[in-house]
Amino acid sequence: MLSAEEWGIVLLSLKVGGVAVLAVLPLAFALAWLLARGRFPGKLLLDALVHLPLVVPPVVTGWMLLLAFAPAGPIGGLLERWFGVTVLFRWSGAAIAAGVMALPLMVRAIRLSLEAVDQRLEQAARSLGAGPVRTFATVTLPLALPGVLAGLVLGFARALGEFGATISFVSNVPGETETLPLAIYSALQVPGGEGQVLRLAAVSIAIAFIALLGSELVARRTGRGNHVL
């Protein structure tokens, strides 16, 4: 059984991961659309920038976020002057770090799904009088939905396991930024903390397994529905 403190860590991790992927989803979809359908100078550079967090050490990513969101940084300064808020040492900062690390995986999954959509179906819908918005809502999005779901799950799993960028950006503050990976790391440093490590690790694995299983079931149902249509 988990203690009240451990339940708090689990709930905080779910909140951080959920907010991270939901907040970054519109950006991920827009970037995936540009990379899948766009024809513009600098496309290769944009592709490299999007996937940069996958190859750069997470600690470096966290350090760059710290420079950007610190009170003297370009983004952090604006947040403090305009809204009087800061994301340093806050769960919102942990969500930002998790979202940045999850973004490349989400973009890749959604992009592959968009590239797999037969554009002749979109052209047929347009020829029958459907406008761009209706074509997107009734043809493109339903066909790409399994990839969107896969991107959400991959992003959530990555956000749930984020460690390096988080600890270097917002540190490890109990009750505020101490997510499951940080709590497991802290417990490993304490003599006799193996029990807590085992419990938290089991919860992490269970959450990831349930999310993947649920996504696969939804993707299969969606795929069958699209096939019938």
C-alpha atoms as a PDB file:
ATOM      1  CA  MET A   1       0.000   0.000   0.000  1.00  0.00           C
ATOM      2  CA  LEU A   2       1.159   3.499  -0.778  1.00  0.00           C
ATOM      3  CA  SER A   3       1.487   6.102   1.925  1.00  0.00           C
ATOM      4  CA  ALA A   4      -0.260   9.475   1.705  1.00  0.00           C
ATOM      5  CA  GLU A   5       3.019  11.044   0.632  1.00  0.00           C
ATOM      6  CA  GLU A   6       3.495   8.463  -2.122  1.00  0.00           C
ATOM      7  CA  TRP A   7      -0.075   8.958  -3.361  1.00  0.00           C
ATOM      8  CA  GLY A   8       0.691  12.664  -3.575  1.00  0.00           C
ATOM      9  CA  ILE A   9       3.734  11.897  -5.733  1.00  0.00           C
ATOM     10  CA  VAL A  10       1.654   9.698  -8.047  1.00  0.00           C
ATOM     11  CA  LEU A  11      -1.104  12.295  -8.409  1.00  0.00           C
ATOM     12  CA  LEU A  12       1.422  15.052  -9.051  1.00  0.00           C
ATOM     13  CA  SER A  13       3.089  12.927 -11.737  1.00  0.00           C
ATOM     14  CA  LEU A  14      -0.253  12.280 -13.431  1.00  0.00           C
ATOM     15  CA  LYS A  15      -1.091  15.990 -13.317  1.00  0.00           C
ATOM     16  CA  VAL A  16       2.274  17.030 -14.721  1.00  0.00           C
ATOM     17  CA  GLY A  17       2.190  14.414 -17.478  1.00  0.00           C
ATOM     18  CA  GLY A  18      -1.432  15.067 -18.410  1.00  0.00           C
ATOM     19  CA  VAL A  19      -1.090  18.845 -18.520  1.00  0.00           C
ATOM     20  CA  ALA A  20       2.169  18.548 -20.467  1.00  0.00           C
ATOM     21  CA  VAL A  21       0.792  16.419 -23.321  1.00  0.00           C
ATOM     22  CA  LEU A  22      -2.553  18.227 -23.558  1.00  0.00           C
ATOM     23  CA  ALA A  23      -0.870  21.630 -23.624  1.00  0.00           C
ATOM     24  CA  VAL A  24       1.671  20.593 -26.253  1.00  0.00           C
ATOM     25  CA  LEU A  25      -0.774  18.629 -28.457  1.00  0.00           C
ATOM     26  CA  PRO A  26      -1.903  21.597 -30.619  1.00  0.00           C
ATOM     27  CA  LEU A  27       1.724  22.586 -31.236  1.00  0.00           C
ATOM     28  CA  ALA A  28       2.694  18.973 -31.957  1.00  0.00           C
ATOM     29  CA  PHE A  29      -0.144  18.599 -34.465  1.00  0.00           C
ATOM     30  CA  ALA A  30       0.712  21.892 -36.180  1.00  0.00           C
ATOM     31  CA  LEU A  31       4.380  20.942 -36.473  1.00  0.00           C
ATOM     32  CA  ALA A  32       3.486  17.457 -37.703  1.00  0.00           C
ATOM     33  CA  TRP A  33       1.180  18.975 -40.345  1.00  0.00           C
ATOM     34  CA  LEU A  34       3.907  21.352 -41.526  1.00  0.00           C
ATOM     35  CA  LEU A  35       6.472  18.563 -41.762  1.00  0.00           C
ATOM     36  CA  ALA A  36       4.061  16.136 -43.444  1.00  0.00           C
ATOM     37  CA  ARG A  37       2.321  18.474 -45.893  1.00  0.00           C
ATOM     38  CA  GLY A  38       4.394  21.645 -46.038  1.00  0.00           C
ATOM     39  CA  ARG A  39       6.778  22.651 -48.793  1.00  0.00           C
ATOM     40  CA  PHE A  40       8.917  25.543 -47.631  1.00  0.00           C
ATOM     41  CA  PRO A  41      12.560  26.583 -47.252  1.00  0.00           C
ATOM     42  CA  GLY A  42      14.057  25.500 -43.960  1.00  0.00           C
ATOM     43  CA  LYS A  43      11.859  22.430 -43.557  1.00  0.00           C
ATOM     44  CA  LEU A  44      14.907  20.256 -42.858  1.00  0.00           C
ATOM     45  CA  LEU A  45      16.089  22.738 -40.227  1.00  0.00           C
ATOM     46  CA  LEU A  46      12.668  22.746 -38.549  1.00  0.00           C
ATOM     47  CA  ASP A  47      12.660  18.942 -38.522  1.00  0.00           C
ATOM     48  CA  ALA A  48      16.073  18.928 -36.845  1.00  0.00           C
ATOM     49  CA  LEU A  49      15.014  21.506 -34.246  1.00  0.00           C
ATOM     50  CA  VAL A  50      11.859  19.559 -33.373  1.00  0.00           C
ATOM     51  CA  HIS A  51      13.818  16.363 -32.763  1.00  0.00           C
ATOM     52  CA  LEU A  52      16.743  18.067 -30.999  1.00  0.00           C
ATOM     53  CA  PRO A  53      15.523  17.151 -27.451  1.00  0.00           C
ATOM     54  CA  LEU A  54      15.803  13.467 -28.392  1.00  0.00           C
ATOM     55  CA  VAL A  55      19.558  13.670 -28.943  1.00  0.00           C
ATOM     56  CA  VAL A  56      20.625  16.496 -26.618  1.00  0.00           C
ATOM     57  CA  PRO A  57      21.256  15.389 -23.009  1.00  0.00           C
ATOM     58  CA  PRO A  58      18.092  16.144 -20.982  1.00  0.00           C
ATOM     59  CA  VAL A  59      20.165  18.102 -18.466  1.00  0.00           C
ATOM     60  CA  VAL A  60      21.197  20.468 -21.256  1.00  0.00           C
ATOM     61  CA  THR A  61      17.553  20.899 -22.249  1.00  0.00           C
ATOM     62  CA  GLY A  62      16.699  21.705 -18.649  1.00  0.00           C
ATOM     63  CA  TRP A  63      19.540  24.196 -18.446  1.00  0.00           C
ATOM     64  CA  MET A  64      18.302  25.932 -21.607  1.00  0.00           C
ATOM     65  CA  LEU A  65      14.793  26.089 -20.150  1.00  0.00           C
ATOM     66  CA  LEU A  66      16.250  27.583 -16.988  1.00  0.00           C
ATOM     67  CA  LEU A  67      17.972  30.298 -19.008  1.00  0.00           C
ATOM     68  CA  ALA A  68      14.758  31.031 -20.902  1.00  0.00           C
ATOM     69  CA  PHE A  69      12.340  30.994 -17.951  1.00  0.00           C
ATOM     70  CA  ALA A  70      14.533  32.534 -15.250  1.00  0.00           C
ATOM     71  CA  PRO A  71      13.446  36.016 -14.099  1.00  0.00           C
ATOM     72  CA  ALA A  72      16.250  37.502 -16.173  1.00  0.00           C
ATOM     73  CA  GLY A  73      15.457  35.293 -19.161  1.00  0.00           C
ATOM     74  CA  PRO A  74      13.464  36.346 -22.227  1.00  0.00           C
ATOM     75  CA  ILE A  75      10.338  34.329 -21.363  1.00  0.00           C
ATOM     76  CA  GLY A  76      10.609  34.341 -17.583  1.00  0.00           C
ATOM     77  CA  GLY A  77      11.088  38.106 -17.546  1.00  0.00           C
ATOM     78  CA  LEU A  78       7.897  38.633 -19.544  1.00  0.00           C
ATOM     79  CA  LEU A  79       5.913  36.284 -17.311  1.00  0.00           C
ATOM     80  CA  GLU A  80       7.090  38.100 -14.201  1.00  0.00           C
ATOM     81  CA  ARG A  81       6.501  41.596 -15.558  1.00  0.00           C
ATOM     82  CA  TRP A  82       3.155  40.954 -17.213  1.00  0.00           C
ATOM     83  CA  PHE A  83       1.576  38.386 -14.904  1.00  0.00           C
ATOM     84  CA  GLY A  84       3.736  38.416 -11.768  1.00  0.00           C
ATOM     85  CA  VAL A  85       4.314  34.640 -11.965  1.00  0.00           C
ATOM     86  CA  THR A  86       7.262  32.311 -12.276  1.00  0.00           C
ATOM     87  CA  VAL A  87       7.462  28.642 -13.221  1.00  0.00           C
ATOM     88  CA  LEU A  88      10.723  28.003 -11.398  1.00  0.00           C
ATOM     89  CA  PHE A  89      10.403  25.405  -8.616  1.00  0.00           C
ATOM     90  CA  ARG A  90       6.706  24.974  -9.535  1.00  0.00           C
ATOM     91  CA  TRP A  91       4.773  22.007 -10.915  1.00  0.00           C
ATOM     92  CA  SER A  92       3.978  24.129 -13.965  1.00  0.00           C
ATOM     93  CA  GLY A  93       7.705  24.280 -14.690  1.00  0.00           C
ATOM     94  CA  ALA A  94       7.885  20.493 -14.414  1.00  0.00           C
ATOM     95  CA  ALA A  95       5.028  20.287 -16.936  1.00  0.00           C
ATOM     96  CA  ILE A  96       6.925  22.565 -19.313  1.00  0.00           C
ATOM     97  CA  ALA A  97      10.026  20.372 -19.079  1.00  0.00           C
ATOM     98  CA  ALA A  98       7.956  17.230 -19.603  1.00  0.00           C
ATOM     99  CA  GLY A  99       6.135  18.785 -22.559  1.00  0.00           C
ATOM    100  CA  VAL A 100       9.375  19.819 -24.268  1.00  0.00           C
ATOM    101  CA  MET A 101      10.784  16.311 -23.905  1.00  0.00           C
ATOM    102  CA  ALA A 102       7.543  14.696 -25.106  1.00  0.00           C
ATOM    103  CA  LEU A 103       7.091  16.963 -28.131  1.00  0.00           C
ATOM    104  CA  PRO A 104       9.419  15.136 -30.583  1.00  0.00           C
ATOM    105  CA  LEU A 105       7.773  11.760 -29.996  1.00  0.00           C
ATOM    106  CA  MET A 106       4.304  13.250 -30.412  1.00  0.00           C
ATOM    107  CA  VAL A 107       5.262  15.083 -33.598  1.00  0.00           C
ATOM    108  CA  ARG A 108       6.815  11.965 -35.108  1.00  0.00           C
ATOM    109  CA  ALA A 109       3.812   9.736 -34.395  1.00  0.00           C
ATOM    110  CA  ILE A 110       1.300  12.281 -35.707  1.00  0.00           C
ATOM    111  CA  ARG A 111       3.419  13.078 -38.758  1.00  0.00           C
ATOM    112  CA  LEU A 112       3.644   9.427 -39.782  1.00  0.00           C
ATOM    113  CA  SER A 113      -0.115   9.116 -39.407  1.00  0.00           C
ATOM    114  CA  LEU A 114      -0.763  12.208 -41.527  1.00  0.00           C
ATOM    115  CA  GLU A 115       1.623  10.992 -44.226  1.00  0.00           C
ATOM    116  CA  ALA A 116      -0.280   7.704 -44.349  1.00  0.00           C
ATOM    117  CA  VAL A 117      -3.599   9.447 -45.113  1.00  0.00           C
ATOM    118  CA  ASP A 118      -4.532   8.940 -48.757  1.00  0.00           C
ATOM    119  CA  GLN A 119      -4.810  12.469 -50.118  1.00  0.00           C
ATOM    120  CA  ARG A 120      -7.034  11.196 -52.923  1.00  0.00           C
ATOM    121  CA  LEU A 121      -9.776  10.788 -50.323  1.00  0.00           C
ATOM    122  CA  GLU A 122      -9.346  14.416 -49.337  1.00  0.00           C
ATOM    123  CA  GLN A 123      -9.480  15.454 -52.982  1.00  0.00           C
ATOM    124  CA  ALA A 124     -12.648  13.414 -53.477  1.00  0.00           C
ATOM    125  CA  ALA A 125     -14.273  15.145 -50.516  1.00  0.00           C
ATOM    126  CA  ARG A 126     -13.303  18.536 -51.907  1.00  0.00           C
ATOM    127  CA  SER A 127     -14.692  17.626 -55.332  1.00  0.00           C
ATOM    128  CA  LEU A 128     -18.020  16.779 -53.679  1.00  0.00           C
ATOM    129  CA  GLY A 129     -18.269  20.266 -52.224  1.00  0.00           C
ATOM    130  CA  ALA A 130     -16.638  19.868 -48.804  1.00  0.00           C
ATOM    131  CA  GLY A 131     -14.591  22.844 -47.700  1.00  0.00           C
ATOM    132  CA  PRO A 132     -11.123  22.598 -46.181  1.00  0.00           C
ATOM    133  CA  VAL A 133     -12.418  22.577 -42.601  1.00  0.00           C
ATOM    134  CA  ARG A 134     -15.058  19.935 -43.266  1.00  0.00           C
ATOM    135  CA  THR A 135     -12.595  17.797 -45.226  1.00  0.00           C
ATOM    136  CA  PHE A 136     -10.160  17.974 -42.344  1.00  0.00           C
ATOM    137  CA  ALA A 137     -12.821  17.167 -39.732  1.00  0.00           C
ATOM    138  CA  THR A 138     -14.510  14.322 -41.612  1.00  0.00           C
ATOM    139  CA  VAL A 139     -11.666  12.752 -43.598  1.00  0.00           C
ATOM    140  CA  THR A 140      -8.171  13.724 -42.478  1.00  0.00           C
ATOM    141  CA  LEU A 141      -8.592  13.777 -38.711  1.00  0.00           C
ATOM    142  CA  PRO A 142     -10.506  10.469 -38.391  1.00  0.00           C
ATOM    143  CA  LEU A 143      -7.908   8.691 -40.536  1.00  0.00           C
ATOM    144  CA  ALA A 144      -5.036  10.250 -38.582  1.00  0.00           C
ATOM    145  CA  LEU A 145      -6.667   9.706 -35.182  1.00  0.00           C
ATOM    146  CA  PRO A 146      -4.765   6.475 -34.346  1.00  0.00           C
ATOM    147  CA  GLY A 147      -1.499   8.370 -34.830  1.00  0.00           C
ATOM    148  CA  VAL A 148      -2.730  11.209 -32.638  1.00  0.00           C
ATOM    149  CA  LEU A 149      -3.641   8.734 -29.905  1.00  0.00           C
ATOM    150  CA  ALA A 150      -0.277   7.025 -30.271  1.00  0.00           C
ATOM    151  CA  GLY A 151       1.435  10.389 -29.984  1.00  0.00           C
ATOM    152  CA  LEU A 152      -0.514  11.226 -26.836  1.00  0.00           C
ATOM    153  CA  VAL A 153       0.419   7.930 -25.220  1.00  0.00           C
ATOM    154  CA  LEU A 154       4.076   8.157 -26.222  1.00  0.00           C
ATOM    155  CA  GLY A 155       4.204  11.743 -25.009  1.00  0.00           C
ATOM    156  CA  PHE A 156       2.506  10.883 -21.721  1.00  0.00           C
ATOM    157  CA  ALA A 157       4.871   7.965 -21.129  1.00  0.00           C
ATOM    158  CA  ARG A 158       7.854  10.202 -21.875  1.00  0.00           C
ATOM    159  CA  ALA A 159       6.490  12.954 -19.628  1.00  0.00           C
ATOM    160  CA  LEU A 160       5.849  10.472 -16.835  1.00  0.00           C
ATOM    161  CA  GLY A 161       9.445   9.271 -16.991  1.00  0.00           C
ATOM    162  CA  GLU A 162      11.095  12.666 -17.425  1.00  0.00           C
ATOM    163  CA  PHE A 163      13.985  13.234 -15.019  1.00  0.00           C
ATOM    164  CA  GLY A 164      17.022  15.116 -16.329  1.00  0.00           C
ATOM    165  CA  ALA A 165      15.364  18.237 -17.742  1.00  0.00           C
ATOM    166  CA  THR A 166      13.031  18.500 -14.762  1.00  0.00           C
ATOM    167  CA  ILE A 167      15.648  18.305 -12.027  1.00  0.00           C
ATOM    168  CA  SER A 168      17.960  20.788 -13.765  1.00  0.00           C
ATOM    169  CA  PHE A 169      15.111  23.213 -14.548  1.00  0.00           C
ATOM    170  CA  VAL A 170      12.851  23.207 -11.471  1.00  0.00           C
ATOM    171  CA  SER A 171      14.876  21.073  -9.044  1.00  0.00           C
ATOM    172  CA  ASN A 172      13.374  18.384  -6.776  1.00  0.00           C
ATOM    173  CA  VAL A 173      10.893  20.107  -4.472  1.00  0.00           C
ATOM    174  CA  PRO A 174       8.736  17.692  -2.417  1.00  0.00           C
ATOM    175  CA  GLY A 175       5.047  18.284  -3.037  1.00  0.00           C
ATOM    176  CA  GLU A 176       5.714  20.670  -5.939  1.00  0.00           C
ATOM    177  CA  THR A 177       8.075  19.172  -8.544  1.00  0.00           C
ATOM    178  CA  GLU A 178       8.878  15.748  -7.074  1.00  0.00           C
ATOM    179  CA  THR A 179       7.435  13.436  -9.713  1.00  0.00           C
ATOM    180  CA  LEU A 180       7.823   9.654  -9.758  1.00  0.00           C
ATOM    181  CA  PRO A 181      11.329   9.538 -11.340  1.00  0.00           C
ATOM    182  CA  LEU A 182      12.654  12.181  -8.951  1.00  0.00           C
ATOM    183  CA  ALA A 183      11.062  10.471  -5.953  1.00  0.00           C
ATOM    184  CA  ILE A 184      12.553   7.121  -6.973  1.00  0.00           C
ATOM    185  CA  TYR A 185      15.975   8.722  -7.364  1.00  0.00           C
ATOM    186  CA  SER A 186      15.694  10.365  -3.936  1.00  0.00           C
ATOM    187  CA  ALA A 187      14.629   7.091  -2.329  1.00  0.00           C
ATOM    188  CA  LEU A 188      17.648   5.338  -3.857  1.00  0.00           C
ATOM    189  CA  GLN A 189      19.923   7.767  -2.006  1.00  0.00           C
ATOM    190  CA  VAL A 190      18.398   6.929   1.388  1.00  0.00           C
ATOM    191  CA  PRO A 191      19.453   3.795   3.283  1.00  0.00           C
ATOM    192  CA  GLY A 192      16.478   1.483   3.568  1.00  0.00           C
ATOM    193  CA  GLY A 193      14.562   3.230   0.798  1.00  0.00           C
ATOM    194  CA  GLU A 194      14.314   0.112  -1.342  1.00  0.00           C
ATOM    195  CA  GLY A 195      10.711  -0.494  -0.307  1.00  0.00           C
ATOM    196  CA  GLN A 196       9.599   2.914  -1.498  1.00  0.00           C
ATOM    197  CA  VAL A 197      11.563   2.474  -4.719  1.00  0.00           C
ATOM    198  CA  LEU A 198       9.812  -0.839  -5.355  1.00  0.00           C
ATOM    199  CA  ARG A 199       6.343   0.616  -4.741  1.00  0.00           C
ATOM    200  CA  LEU A 200       6.852   3.700  -6.868  1.00  0.00           C
ATOM    201  CA  ALA A 201       8.496   1.741  -9.674  1.00  0.00           C
ATOM    202  CA  ALA A 202       5.573  -0.708  -9.689  1.00  0.00           C
ATOM    203  CA  VAL A 203       3.114   2.188  -9.936  1.00  0.00           C
ATOM    204  CA  SER A 204       5.091   3.718 -12.811  1.00  0.00           C
ATOM    205  CA  ILE A 205       5.070   0.468 -14.742  1.00  0.00           C
ATOM    206  CA  ALA A 206       1.362  -0.094 -14.072  1.00  0.00           C
ATOM    207  CA  ILE A 207       0.386   3.397 -15.270  1.00  0.00           C
ATOM    208  CA  ALA A 208       2.454   3.073 -18.443  1.00  0.00           C
ATOM    209  CA  PHE A 209       1.031  -0.393 -19.167  1.00  0.00           C
ATOM    210  CA  ILE A 210      -2.573   0.714 -18.671  1.00  0.00           C
ATOM    211  CA  ALA A 211      -2.067   3.771 -20.887  1.00  0.00           C
ATOM    212  CA  LEU A 212      -0.510   1.717 -23.691  1.00  0.00           C
ATOM    213  CA  LEU A 213      -3.196  -0.947 -23.471  1.00  0.00           C
ATOM    214  CA  GLY A 214      -6.009   1.596 -23.525  1.00  0.00           C
ATOM    215  CA  SER A 215      -4.494   3.407 -26.496  1.00  0.00           C
ATOM    216  CA  GLU A 216      -4.110   0.176 -28.443  1.00  0.00           C
ATOM    217  CA  LEU A 217      -7.750  -0.761 -27.836  1.00  0.00           C
ATOM    218  CA  VAL A 218      -8.973   2.684 -28.919  1.00  0.00           C
ATOM    219  CA  ALA A 219      -6.692   2.679 -31.975  1.00  0.00           C
ATOM    220  CA  ARG A 220      -7.987  -0.742 -33.062  1.00  0.00           C
ATOM    221  CA  ARG A 221     -11.609   0.327 -32.719  1.00  0.00           C
ATOM    222  CA  THR A 222     -10.897   3.545 -34.580  1.00  0.00           C
ATOM    223  CA  GLY A 223      -9.116   1.634 -37.311  1.00  0.00           C
ATOM    224  CA  ARG A 224     -12.038  -0.765 -37.746  1.00  0.00           C
ATOM    225  CA  GLY A 225     -14.466   2.145 -37.883  1.00  0.00           C
ATOM    226  CA  ASN A 226     -12.461   3.913 -40.553  1.00  0.00           C
ATOM    227  CA  HIS A 227     -12.188   0.686 -42.552  1.00  0.00           C
ATOM    228  CA  VAL A 228     -15.950   0.210 -42.495  1.00  0.00           C
ATOM    229  CA  LEU A 229     -16.536   3.805 -43.608  1.00  0.00           C
END
